[in-house]
Protein backbone atom coordinates (compact mmCIF):
# COMPACT_ATOMS: atom_id res chain seq x y z
CA MET A 1 116.59 -148.57 -12.73
CA CYS A 2 116.42 -149.53 -16.41
CA LEU A 3 119.26 -150.88 -18.46
CA PRO A 4 119.65 -152.37 -21.93
CA VAL A 5 120.07 -156.11 -22.38
CA LEU A 6 120.88 -158.18 -25.44
CA SER A 7 117.80 -160.18 -26.43
CA ASP A 8 114.30 -159.60 -27.73
CA VAL A 9 113.78 -157.38 -24.70
CA CYS A 10 115.05 -153.82 -24.89
CA TYR A 11 115.09 -152.88 -21.23
CA VAL A 12 114.85 -154.67 -17.94
CA CYS A 13 113.92 -152.64 -14.87
CA TYR A 14 115.41 -154.43 -11.91
CA THR A 15 113.71 -153.89 -8.60
CA HIS A 16 114.60 -156.51 -6.00
CA PRO A 17 115.04 -160.31 -6.11
CA GLY A 18 111.67 -161.94 -6.62
CA MET A 19 109.93 -158.62 -7.19
CA VAL A 20 108.19 -157.40 -10.34
CA LEU A 21 110.31 -156.51 -13.34
CA ALA A 22 109.13 -154.02 -15.92
CA ILE A 23 110.18 -155.12 -19.36
CA LYS A 24 109.99 -152.82 -22.36
CA ASP A 25 109.62 -154.69 -25.63
CA SER A 26 111.07 -153.57 -28.91
CA VAL A 27 107.56 -152.33 -29.73
CA PRO A 28 107.49 -148.59 -28.92
CA ASN A 29 105.44 -147.52 -25.89
CA LYS A 30 104.70 -151.11 -24.89
CA LEU A 31 105.55 -151.98 -21.32
CA ARG A 32 104.70 -155.28 -19.73
CA LEU A 33 105.11 -156.33 -16.15
CA LYS A 34 105.94 -159.82 -15.10
CA ARG A 35 107.12 -161.60 -12.03
CA GLU A 36 110.36 -163.47 -12.55
CA LYS A 37 111.09 -166.40 -10.26
CA ASN A 38 114.10 -168.70 -10.34
CA THR A 39 115.80 -166.87 -13.19
CA HIS A 40 119.12 -165.11 -13.42
CA PHE A 41 117.26 -161.79 -13.08
CA ASN A 42 116.50 -162.66 -9.46
CA ARG A 43 120.17 -162.30 -8.66
CA ALA A 44 120.97 -159.46 -11.07
CA LYS A 45 122.35 -156.19 -9.83
CA PHE A 46 123.21 -152.92 -11.59
CA VAL A 47 126.90 -152.12 -11.04
CA GLY A 48 128.78 -149.40 -12.90
CA GLY A 49 126.58 -149.42 -16.00
CA ALA A 50 126.30 -153.19 -16.37
CA VAL A 51 124.13 -156.00 -15.11
CA VAL A 52 126.07 -158.28 -12.76
CA ASN A 53 124.60 -161.59 -11.67
CA MET A 54 125.05 -162.87 -8.14
CA VAL A 55 126.76 -166.25 -8.15
CA ARG A 56 126.21 -168.39 -5.06
CA VAL A 57 129.15 -170.72 -4.45
CA LEU A 58 129.30 -173.65 -2.07
CA ILE A 59 132.77 -174.97 -1.25
CA VAL A 60 132.80 -178.41 0.33
CA CYS A 61 135.88 -178.94 2.45
CA SER A 62 137.15 -180.83 5.46
CA TRP A 63 136.77 -178.39 8.36
CA GLY A 64 136.82 -174.95 6.74
CA MET A 65 139.93 -173.53 8.38
CA SER A 66 142.20 -173.27 5.36
CA THR A 67 139.21 -172.83 3.07
CA SER A 68 138.27 -169.63 4.89
CA LEU A 69 141.55 -168.14 3.61
CA LEU A 70 140.60 -169.13 0.06
CA VAL A 71 137.15 -167.61 0.56
CA ASP A 72 138.73 -164.29 1.57
CA SER A 73 140.96 -164.35 -1.50
CA LEU A 74 138.02 -165.33 -3.72
CA VAL A 75 135.83 -162.51 -2.40
CA ALA A 76 138.65 -160.01 -2.93
CA ALA A 77 139.12 -161.21 -6.52
CA ALA A 78 135.37 -160.95 -7.13
CA GLU A 79 135.26 -157.40 -5.78
CA GLU A 80 138.16 -156.43 -8.03
CA ALA A 81 136.39 -157.99 -11.02
CA ARG A 82 133.09 -156.34 -9.97
CA GLN A 83 131.45 -159.73 -9.76
CA GLU A 84 128.78 -160.31 -7.13
CA LEU A 85 129.66 -163.48 -5.27
CA SER A 86 128.27 -165.26 -2.25
CA VAL A 87 130.59 -167.97 -0.92
CA GLU A 88 129.89 -170.49 1.79
CA ALA A 89 132.39 -173.13 2.89
CA LEU A 90 130.92 -176.15 4.65
CA SER A 91 132.30 -179.46 5.83
CA ALA A 92 131.52 -182.70 4.04
CA GLY A 93 129.00 -183.49 6.75
CA GLU A 94 127.08 -180.21 6.37
CA TYR A 95 126.94 -179.39 2.67
CA ALA A 96 124.02 -181.61 1.60
CA ALA A 97 121.37 -179.30 3.06
CA LYS A 98 122.75 -176.29 1.15
CA VAL A 99 123.22 -177.71 -2.35
CA ASP A 100 119.80 -176.53 -3.55
CA ALA A 101 120.56 -172.94 -2.53
CA CYS A 102 123.78 -172.54 -4.53
CA ASP A 103 124.70 -172.08 -8.19
CA VAL A 104 128.06 -173.89 -8.15
CA VAL A 105 129.60 -176.56 -5.94
CA LEU A 106 133.38 -176.69 -5.56
CA ILE A 107 135.24 -179.51 -3.85
CA ALA A 108 138.40 -178.80 -1.89
CA PRO A 109 141.37 -181.03 -2.81
CA GLN A 110 141.72 -182.55 0.67
CA ILE A 111 138.36 -184.32 0.35
CA ARG A 112 138.76 -185.58 -3.21
CA HIS A 113 137.98 -189.07 -1.91
CA LEU A 114 134.34 -187.86 -1.52
CA ARG A 115 134.17 -186.45 -5.03
CA LYS A 116 131.80 -189.05 -6.49
CA SER A 117 129.19 -188.73 -3.75
CA ILE A 118 129.33 -184.91 -3.84
CA GLU A 119 129.06 -184.89 -7.64
CA LYS A 120 126.13 -187.31 -7.52
CA LEU A 121 124.16 -185.07 -5.16
CA ALA A 122 125.03 -181.81 -6.94
CA LEU A 123 124.26 -183.15 -10.40
CA SER A 124 120.98 -184.67 -9.21
CA VAL A 125 119.72 -181.14 -8.51
CA GLY A 126 121.31 -179.65 -11.64
CA LYS A 127 124.24 -177.85 -10.05
CA PRO A 128 127.63 -177.74 -11.78
CA VAL A 129 130.38 -179.23 -9.65
CA ALA A 130 134.17 -179.31 -9.93
CA MET A 131 137.32 -179.92 -7.95
CA ILE A 132 139.38 -176.88 -7.03
CA GLU A 133 142.78 -177.22 -8.62
CA PRO A 134 145.21 -178.26 -5.82
CA PHE A 135 147.78 -175.64 -6.85
CA HIS A 136 145.20 -172.84 -6.78
CA TYR A 137 143.96 -174.05 -3.41
CA ALA A 138 147.47 -174.31 -1.95
CA THR A 139 148.42 -170.82 -3.14
CA MET A 140 144.98 -169.39 -2.19
CA ASN A 141 144.63 -168.05 -5.74
CA GLY A 142 141.17 -166.49 -5.57
CA GLN A 143 141.44 -165.10 -9.09
CA ALA A 144 141.98 -168.53 -10.64
CA VAL A 145 139.15 -170.06 -8.60
CA LEU A 146 136.86 -167.18 -9.62
CA GLU A 147 137.64 -167.90 -13.27
CA GLN A 148 136.80 -171.56 -12.68
CA ILE A 149 133.48 -170.57 -11.10
CA LEU A 150 132.56 -168.24 -13.96
CA LEU A 151 133.37 -170.97 -16.51
CA LEU A 152 131.14 -173.42 -14.65
CA VAL A 153 128.27 -170.93 -14.49
CA SER A 154 128.57 -170.02 -18.17
CA ALA A 155 128.51 -173.68 -19.18
CA VAL A 156 125.08 -174.21 -17.62
């Protein structure tokens, strides 16, 4: 499936994460193949005429009970916005092993006392990290949290 992108490349043919991409340069009839690893193309998906990147979110919380409600709201907001999102909520004792596999780390308000240690680990592996606004968490406002995630990803 080929689709236009804005750069020196005219078309990117997306196959499957980690697979070969066919890239058509601006030079007519020139097609080059290359393997893309660890780039945003690995998580790209063609949805309704546009390329949508998968964003992998890790939410660090206390036990995950109330956070699971936020995750449901966040996933619903992402579906409505046609944004591919993978969300995992883990306790403060479990998150360290998963930081490398995510794009964004969010910290639930109830564990703000662990903010510095979580930020230190996330930033050491180049992952953006932020606190979830307490009001958005309390009201389970998935739309607002999705906007926060997209701002964090775009700032990288």
